[in-house]
């Protein structure tokens, strides 16, 4: 194998390298922005689910209170039906709350793809520099 050196001056090569590095950094920044925006949107859904859970929990408490009143007042029938409805609404609220909290976990909000890309870019640059250093 023969090694054909680039005929361009060193200054030109350095300028090209800096330009490519600048483009790479800008691209990674754009990717990070897009990923953070997507994660913020996901967090917004999580907040919405938590709000829905809170509203349903309040409704469930009202229904459960009415069920308790009806159960005590009548000792049979209608109160137990209201109690069943209240428990079901409360179960739905619990499911929404768990999903909402899961969407808000920090590991779900971090720009993981961008971090992986930056690490891969850094490794590629290190390997390229090491290979160029070994050739000279």
N, C-alpha and C. Protein backbone atom coordinates (compact mmCIF):
# COMPACT_ATOMS: atom_id res chain seq x y z
N UNK A 1 0.83 -1.18 0.00
CA UNK A 1 0.00 0.00 0.00
C UNK A 1 0.87 1.24 0.00
N UNK A 2 0.52 2.18 -0.80
CA UNK A 2 1.28 3.43 -0.80
C UNK A 2 0.44 4.51 -0.14
N UNK A 3 1.11 5.41 0.49
CA UNK A 3 0.46 6.51 1.20
C UNK A 3 0.65 7.78 0.38
N UNK A 4 -0.47 8.33 -0.11
CA UNK A 4 -0.42 9.55 -0.88
C UNK A 4 -0.82 10.70 0.04
N UNK A 5 0.13 11.54 0.40
CA UNK A 5 -0.22 12.65 1.28
C UNK A 5 -1.14 13.64 0.57
N UNK A 6 -1.99 14.26 1.32
CA UNK A 6 -2.91 15.27 0.79
C UNK A 6 -2.06 16.47 0.35
N UNK A 7 -2.23 16.93 -0.90
CA UNK A 7 -1.39 18.03 -1.40
C UNK A 7 -1.74 19.39 -0.78
N UNK A 8 -2.84 19.49 -0.07
CA UNK A 8 -3.24 20.78 0.50
C UNK A 8 -2.32 21.15 1.66
N UNK A 9 -2.15 22.45 1.88
CA UNK A 9 -1.31 22.89 3.00
C UNK A 9 -1.94 22.51 4.35
N UNK A 10 -1.11 22.44 5.35
CA UNK A 10 -1.56 22.05 6.69
C UNK A 10 -2.64 22.98 7.20
N UNK A 11 -2.51 24.27 6.94
CA UNK A 11 -3.52 25.24 7.38
C UNK A 11 -4.88 24.93 6.79
N UNK A 12 -4.90 24.54 5.53
CA UNK A 12 -6.16 24.20 4.87
C UNK A 12 -6.76 22.93 5.47
N UNK A 13 -5.90 21.96 5.75
CA UNK A 13 -6.38 20.72 6.36
C UNK A 13 -6.95 20.99 7.75
N UNK A 14 -6.25 21.81 8.53
CA UNK A 14 -6.74 22.16 9.87
C UNK A 14 -8.07 22.90 9.78
N UNK A 15 -8.17 23.80 8.82
CA UNK A 15 -9.41 24.55 8.63
C UNK A 15 -10.57 23.61 8.29
N UNK A 16 -10.31 22.65 7.41
CA UNK A 16 -11.33 21.66 7.06
C UNK A 16 -11.73 20.84 8.29
N UNK A 17 -10.74 20.45 9.07
CA UNK A 17 -11.02 19.65 10.27
C UNK A 17 -11.88 20.45 11.25
N UNK A 18 -11.55 21.72 11.44
CA UNK A 18 -12.32 22.57 12.35
C UNK A 18 -13.75 22.75 11.82
N UNK A 19 -13.88 22.97 10.52
CA UNK A 19 -15.21 23.11 9.92
C UNK A 19 -16.04 21.84 10.09
N UNK A 20 -15.43 20.70 9.88
CA UNK A 20 -16.15 19.43 10.04
C UNK A 20 -16.54 19.22 11.50
N UNK A 21 -15.65 19.55 12.41
CA UNK A 21 -15.94 19.42 13.83
C UNK A 21 -17.07 20.36 14.24
N UNK A 22 -17.05 21.57 13.69
CA UNK A 22 -18.10 22.54 13.98
C UNK A 22 -19.45 22.03 13.47
N UNK A 23 -19.47 21.48 12.26
CA UNK A 23 -20.71 20.92 11.72
C UNK A 23 -21.20 19.74 12.57
N UNK A 24 -20.27 18.92 13.01
CA UNK A 24 -20.62 17.78 13.85
C UNK A 24 -21.24 18.25 15.17
N UNK A 25 -20.62 19.23 15.80
CA UNK A 25 -21.14 19.74 17.07
C UNK A 25 -22.51 20.37 16.86
N UNK A 26 -22.67 21.14 15.79
CA UNK A 26 -23.99 21.75 15.51
C UNK A 26 -25.05 20.69 15.26
N UNK A 27 -24.68 19.64 14.55
CA UNK A 27 -25.62 18.54 14.30
C UNK A 27 -26.03 17.85 15.59
N UNK A 28 -25.06 17.62 16.46
CA UNK A 28 -25.37 16.99 17.75
C UNK A 28 -26.23 17.89 18.61
N UNK A 29 -25.99 19.19 18.55
CA UNK A 29 -26.81 20.14 19.32
C UNK A 29 -28.24 20.13 18.79
N UNK A 30 -28.40 20.08 17.48
CA UNK A 30 -29.74 20.03 16.90
C UNK A 30 -30.45 18.73 17.31
N UNK A 31 -29.72 17.63 17.32
CA UNK A 31 -30.29 16.36 17.74
C UNK A 31 -30.69 16.43 19.22
N UNK A 32 -29.83 17.01 20.04
CA UNK A 32 -30.14 17.13 21.47
C UNK A 32 -31.39 17.98 21.68
N UNK A 33 -31.50 19.10 20.95
CA UNK A 33 -32.69 19.95 21.06
C UNK A 33 -33.95 19.19 20.70
N UNK A 34 -33.90 18.46 19.60
CA UNK A 34 -35.06 17.70 19.15
C UNK A 34 -35.44 16.63 20.16
N UNK A 35 -34.42 15.95 20.71
CA UNK A 35 -34.69 14.90 21.67
C UNK A 35 -35.26 15.46 22.97
N UNK A 36 -34.72 16.58 23.43
CA UNK A 36 -35.24 17.20 24.65
C UNK A 36 -36.67 17.67 24.43
N UNK A 37 -36.95 18.23 23.25
CA UNK A 37 -38.32 18.67 22.95
C UNK A 37 -39.28 17.48 22.99
N UNK A 38 -38.86 16.36 22.44
CA UNK A 38 -39.69 15.16 22.45
C UNK A 38 -39.90 14.69 23.90
N UNK A 39 -38.84 14.73 24.70
CA UNK A 39 -38.95 14.28 26.08
C UNK A 39 -39.82 15.23 26.92
N UNK A 40 -39.75 16.52 26.62
CA UNK A 40 -40.61 17.48 27.32
C UNK A 40 -42.07 17.22 26.97
N UNK A 41 -42.31 16.89 25.71
CA UNK A 41 -43.67 16.56 25.29
C UNK A 41 -44.17 15.33 26.06
N UNK A 42 -43.30 14.34 26.21
CA UNK A 42 -43.65 13.14 26.96
C UNK A 42 -43.92 13.48 28.42
N UNK A 43 -43.13 14.40 28.98
CA UNK A 43 -43.36 14.84 30.36
C UNK A 43 -44.70 15.55 30.46
N UNK A 44 -45.06 16.31 29.45
CA UNK A 44 -46.36 16.98 29.43
C UNK A 44 -47.50 15.97 29.47
N UNK A 45 -47.34 14.88 28.74
CA UNK A 45 -48.35 13.81 28.77
C UNK A 45 -48.41 13.23 30.18
N UNK A 46 -47.24 13.04 30.80
CA UNK A 46 -47.19 12.52 32.17
C UNK A 46 -47.91 13.43 33.14
N UNK A 47 -47.70 14.73 32.99
CA UNK A 47 -48.38 15.70 33.86
C UNK A 47 -49.89 15.64 33.62
N UNK A 48 -50.29 15.52 32.37
CA UNK A 48 -51.71 15.40 32.05
C UNK A 48 -52.33 14.16 32.66
N UNK A 49 -51.60 13.04 32.60
CA UNK A 49 -52.10 11.81 33.20
C UNK A 49 -52.23 11.95 34.72
N UNK A 50 -51.25 12.63 35.34
CA UNK A 50 -51.34 12.86 36.79
C UNK A 50 -52.52 13.75 37.13
N UNK A 51 -52.77 14.77 36.31
CA UNK A 51 -53.91 15.64 36.56
C UNK A 51 -55.22 14.84 36.43
N UNK A 52 -55.29 13.99 35.41
CA UNK A 52 -56.46 13.13 35.24
C UNK A 52 -56.64 12.20 36.43
N UNK A 53 -55.53 11.65 36.92
CA UNK A 53 -55.60 10.78 38.09
C UNK A 53 -56.11 11.53 39.31
N UNK A 54 -55.64 12.77 39.49
CA UNK A 54 -56.07 13.57 40.64
C UNK A 54 -57.57 13.88 40.56
N UNK A 55 -58.03 14.23 39.37
CA UNK A 55 -59.46 14.52 39.19
C UNK A 55 -60.30 13.28 39.47
N UNK A 56 -59.88 12.14 38.91
CA UNK A 56 -60.63 10.90 39.14
C UNK A 56 -60.57 10.49 40.62
N UNK A 57 -59.45 10.73 41.27
CA UNK A 57 -59.37 10.40 42.70
C UNK A 57 -60.36 11.24 43.50
N UNK A 58 -60.48 12.52 43.15
CA UNK A 58 -61.45 13.37 43.84
C UNK A 58 -62.88 12.89 43.58
N UNK A 59 -63.17 12.53 42.35
CA UNK A 59 -64.50 11.99 42.03
C UNK A 59 -64.73 10.70 42.82
N UNK A 60 -63.72 9.84 42.85
CA UNK A 60 -63.84 8.58 43.57
C UNK A 60 -64.10 8.82 45.06
N UNK A 61 -63.41 9.79 45.62
CA UNK A 61 -63.65 10.10 47.04
C UNK A 61 -65.08 10.58 47.27
N UNK A 62 -65.59 11.37 46.35
CA UNK A 62 -66.98 11.80 46.46
C UNK A 62 -67.94 10.62 46.38
N UNK A 63 -67.67 9.75 45.41
CA UNK A 63 -68.54 8.59 45.25
C UNK A 63 -68.43 7.67 46.46
N UNK A 64 -67.21 7.46 46.94
CA UNK A 64 -67.03 6.59 48.10
C UNK A 64 -67.70 7.20 49.34
N UNK A 65 -67.62 8.49 49.47
CA UNK A 65 -68.30 9.14 50.60
C UNK A 65 -69.81 8.97 50.48
N UNK A 66 -70.32 9.15 49.28
CA UNK A 66 -71.76 8.95 49.07
C UNK A 66 -72.13 7.50 49.32
N UNK A 67 -71.26 6.57 48.92
CA UNK A 67 -71.53 5.15 49.13
C UNK A 67 -71.56 4.83 50.62
N UNK A 68 -70.63 5.39 51.34
CA UNK A 68 -70.60 5.14 52.78
C UNK A 68 -71.85 5.69 53.45
N UNK A 69 -72.22 6.89 53.05
CA UNK A 69 -73.45 7.48 53.61
C UNK A 69 -74.65 6.62 53.27
N UNK A 70 -74.76 6.21 52.01
CA UNK A 70 -75.91 5.40 51.59
C UNK A 70 -75.89 4.04 52.29
N UNK A 71 -74.71 3.44 52.46
CA UNK A 71 -74.61 2.13 53.11
C UNK A 71 -75.03 2.23 54.57
N UNK A 72 -74.56 3.26 55.20
CA UNK A 72 -74.93 3.41 56.62
C UNK A 72 -76.41 3.75 56.75
N UNK A 73 -76.90 4.58 55.87
CA UNK A 73 -78.30 5.02 55.96
C UNK A 73 -79.28 3.88 55.69
N UNK A 74 -78.99 3.06 54.75
CA UNK A 74 -79.95 2.02 54.35
C UNK A 74 -79.56 0.62 54.83
N UNK A 75 -78.33 0.39 55.17
CA UNK A 75 -77.77 -0.90 55.54
C UNK A 75 -77.84 -1.94 54.44
N UNK A 76 -78.28 -1.58 53.24
CA UNK A 76 -78.30 -2.55 52.13
C UNK A 76 -78.38 -1.81 50.78
N UNK A 77 -78.25 -2.55 49.71
CA UNK A 77 -78.56 -2.15 48.34
C UNK A 77 -77.78 -1.03 47.69
N UNK A 78 -78.38 0.13 47.52
CA UNK A 78 -77.80 1.19 46.69
C UNK A 78 -76.40 1.64 47.12
N UNK A 79 -76.15 1.62 48.38
CA UNK A 79 -74.83 2.05 48.86
C UNK A 79 -73.71 1.17 48.37
N UNK A 80 -73.95 -0.14 48.35
CA UNK A 80 -72.91 -1.05 47.89
C UNK A 80 -72.63 -0.88 46.40
N UNK A 81 -73.64 -0.54 45.64
CA UNK A 81 -73.41 -0.26 44.21
C UNK A 81 -72.54 0.97 44.04
N UNK A 82 -72.81 2.00 44.83
CA UNK A 82 -71.99 3.21 44.77
C UNK A 82 -70.57 2.92 45.23
N UNK A 83 -70.42 2.06 46.23
CA UNK A 83 -69.10 1.68 46.71
C UNK A 83 -68.29 0.98 45.62
N UNK A 84 -68.93 0.08 44.91
CA UNK A 84 -68.26 -0.63 43.81
C UNK A 84 -67.79 0.35 42.74
N UNK A 85 -68.65 1.30 42.37
CA UNK A 85 -68.29 2.29 41.35
C UNK A 85 -67.11 3.14 41.84
N UNK A 86 -67.15 3.53 43.10
CA UNK A 86 -66.06 4.34 43.66
C UNK A 86 -64.72 3.60 43.64
N UNK A 87 -64.74 2.33 43.97
CA UNK A 87 -63.51 1.53 43.97
C UNK A 87 -62.97 1.39 42.55
N UNK A 88 -63.84 1.18 41.60
CA UNK A 88 -63.40 1.06 40.20
C UNK A 88 -62.77 2.37 39.71
N UNK A 89 -63.39 3.50 40.01
CA UNK A 89 -62.83 4.80 39.60
C UNK A 89 -61.48 5.03 40.26
N UNK A 90 -61.38 4.66 41.52
CA UNK A 90 -60.12 4.82 42.23
C UNK A 90 -59.02 3.93 41.62
N UNK A 91 -59.37 2.74 41.18
CA UNK A 91 -58.40 1.85 40.52
C UNK A 91 -57.91 2.46 39.22
N UNK A 92 -58.81 3.05 38.45
CA UNK A 92 -58.42 3.71 37.19
C UNK A 92 -57.49 4.89 37.50
N UNK A 93 -57.81 5.65 38.54
CA UNK A 93 -56.95 6.78 38.92
C UNK A 93 -55.56 6.30 39.31
N UNK A 94 -55.47 5.18 40.00
CA UNK A 94 -54.17 4.64 40.40
C UNK A 94 -53.34 4.23 39.18
N UNK A 95 -53.99 3.62 38.21
CA UNK A 95 -53.29 3.22 36.98
C UNK A 95 -52.77 4.45 36.24
N UNK A 96 -53.60 5.49 36.12
CA UNK A 96 -53.16 6.73 35.46
C UNK A 96 -52.00 7.37 36.21
N UNK A 97 -52.07 7.37 37.53
CA UNK A 97 -51.00 7.97 38.33
C UNK A 97 -49.69 7.22 38.13
N UNK A 98 -49.72 5.91 38.11
CA UNK A 98 -48.49 5.12 37.91
C UNK A 98 -47.89 5.39 36.54
N UNK A 99 -48.73 5.45 35.53
CA UNK A 99 -48.22 5.72 34.17
C UNK A 99 -47.66 7.13 34.08
N UNK A 100 -48.33 8.09 34.71
CA UNK A 100 -47.85 9.46 34.68
C UNK A 100 -46.52 9.61 35.39
N UNK A 101 -46.37 8.98 36.55
CA UNK A 101 -45.10 9.04 37.28
C UNK A 101 -43.99 8.37 36.50
N UNK A 102 -44.29 7.28 35.83
CA UNK A 102 -43.29 6.60 35.01
C UNK A 102 -42.80 7.49 33.87
N UNK A 103 -43.71 8.25 33.27
CA UNK A 103 -43.33 9.14 32.17
C UNK A 103 -42.45 10.29 32.66
N UNK A 104 -42.48 10.60 33.95
CA UNK A 104 -41.71 11.72 34.49
C UNK A 104 -40.38 11.31 35.10
N UNK A 105 -40.03 10.04 35.03
CA UNK A 105 -38.74 9.59 35.59
C UNK A 105 -37.61 10.27 34.84
N UNK A 106 -36.56 10.69 35.56
CA UNK A 106 -35.43 11.38 34.91
C UNK A 106 -34.81 10.59 33.77
N UNK A 107 -34.71 9.26 33.91
CA UNK A 107 -34.09 8.48 32.83
C UNK A 107 -34.92 8.49 31.56
N UNK A 108 -36.21 8.79 31.67
CA UNK A 108 -37.05 8.89 30.47
C UNK A 108 -36.97 10.26 29.82
N UNK A 109 -36.37 11.23 30.51
CA UNK A 109 -36.29 12.59 29.99
C UNK A 109 -34.91 12.92 29.42
N UNK A 110 -33.90 12.16 29.77
CA UNK A 110 -32.53 12.45 29.33
C UNK A 110 -32.38 12.18 27.83
N UNK A 111 -31.56 12.98 27.14
CA UNK A 111 -31.33 12.77 25.70
C UNK A 111 -30.34 11.62 25.46
N UNK A 112 -30.77 10.40 25.65
CA UNK A 112 -29.87 9.25 25.59
C UNK A 112 -29.29 9.00 24.20
N UNK A 113 -30.06 9.21 23.16
CA UNK A 113 -29.52 8.99 21.81
C UNK A 113 -28.40 9.96 21.51
N UNK A 114 -28.58 11.21 21.93
CA UNK A 114 -27.55 12.22 21.69
C UNK A 114 -26.27 11.86 22.44
N UNK A 115 -26.40 11.42 23.67
CA UNK A 115 -25.22 11.04 24.46
C UNK A 115 -24.49 9.90 23.76
N UNK A 116 -25.23 8.89 23.29
CA UNK A 116 -24.59 7.78 22.57
C UNK A 116 -23.89 8.28 21.31
N UNK A 117 -24.53 9.17 20.57
CA UNK A 117 -23.92 9.70 19.34
C UNK A 117 -22.65 10.47 19.64
N UNK A 118 -22.68 11.30 20.67
CA UNK A 118 -21.50 12.09 21.02
C UNK A 118 -20.37 11.16 21.44
N UNK A 119 -20.68 10.13 22.23
CA UNK A 119 -19.65 9.17 22.63
C UNK A 119 -19.06 8.45 21.42
N UNK A 120 -19.92 8.06 20.48
CA UNK A 120 -19.43 7.39 19.27
C UNK A 120 -18.58 8.34 18.43
N UNK A 121 -19.00 9.60 18.33
CA UNK A 121 -18.21 10.59 17.59
C UNK A 121 -16.84 10.79 18.24
N UNK A 122 -16.83 10.89 19.55
CA UNK A 122 -15.56 11.09 20.27
C UNK A 122 -14.64 9.89 20.04
N UNK A 123 -15.20 8.68 20.08
CA UNK A 123 -14.40 7.48 19.86
C UNK A 123 -13.85 7.46 18.43
N UNK A 124 -14.66 7.85 17.46
CA UNK A 124 -14.21 7.89 16.07
C UNK A 124 -13.08 8.89 15.90
N UNK A 125 -13.22 10.05 16.52
CA UNK A 125 -12.17 11.08 16.43
C UNK A 125 -10.89 10.57 17.06
N UNK A 126 -10.99 9.92 18.24
CA UNK A 126 -9.80 9.37 18.90
C UNK A 126 -9.11 8.35 18.01
N UNK A 127 -9.91 7.46 17.41
CA UNK A 127 -9.34 6.43 16.55
C UNK A 127 -8.68 7.03 15.32
N UNK A 128 -9.32 8.04 14.74
CA UNK A 128 -8.76 8.70 13.56
C UNK A 128 -7.45 9.39 13.89
N UNK A 129 -7.43 10.10 15.00
CA UNK A 129 -6.20 10.79 15.42
C UNK A 129 -5.11 9.77 15.71
N UNK A 130 -5.47 8.66 16.39
CA UNK A 130 -4.47 7.63 16.71
C UNK A 130 -3.94 7.00 15.43
N UNK A 131 -4.82 6.72 14.47
CA UNK A 131 -4.38 6.12 13.21
C UNK A 131 -3.49 7.07 12.42
N UNK A 132 -3.86 8.35 12.40
CA UNK A 132 -3.03 9.34 11.70
C UNK A 132 -1.68 9.48 12.39
N UNK A 133 -1.66 9.42 13.68
CA UNK A 133 -0.42 9.56 14.44
C UNK A 133 0.50 8.37 14.17
N UNK A 134 -0.08 7.17 14.06
CA UNK A 134 0.70 5.97 13.81
C UNK A 134 1.25 5.92 12.39
N UNK A 135 0.59 6.58 11.44
CA UNK A 135 1.04 6.59 10.04
C UNK A 135 2.26 7.47 9.85
N UNK A 136 2.43 8.46 10.73
CA UNK A 136 3.54 9.40 10.54
C UNK A 136 4.68 9.01 11.36
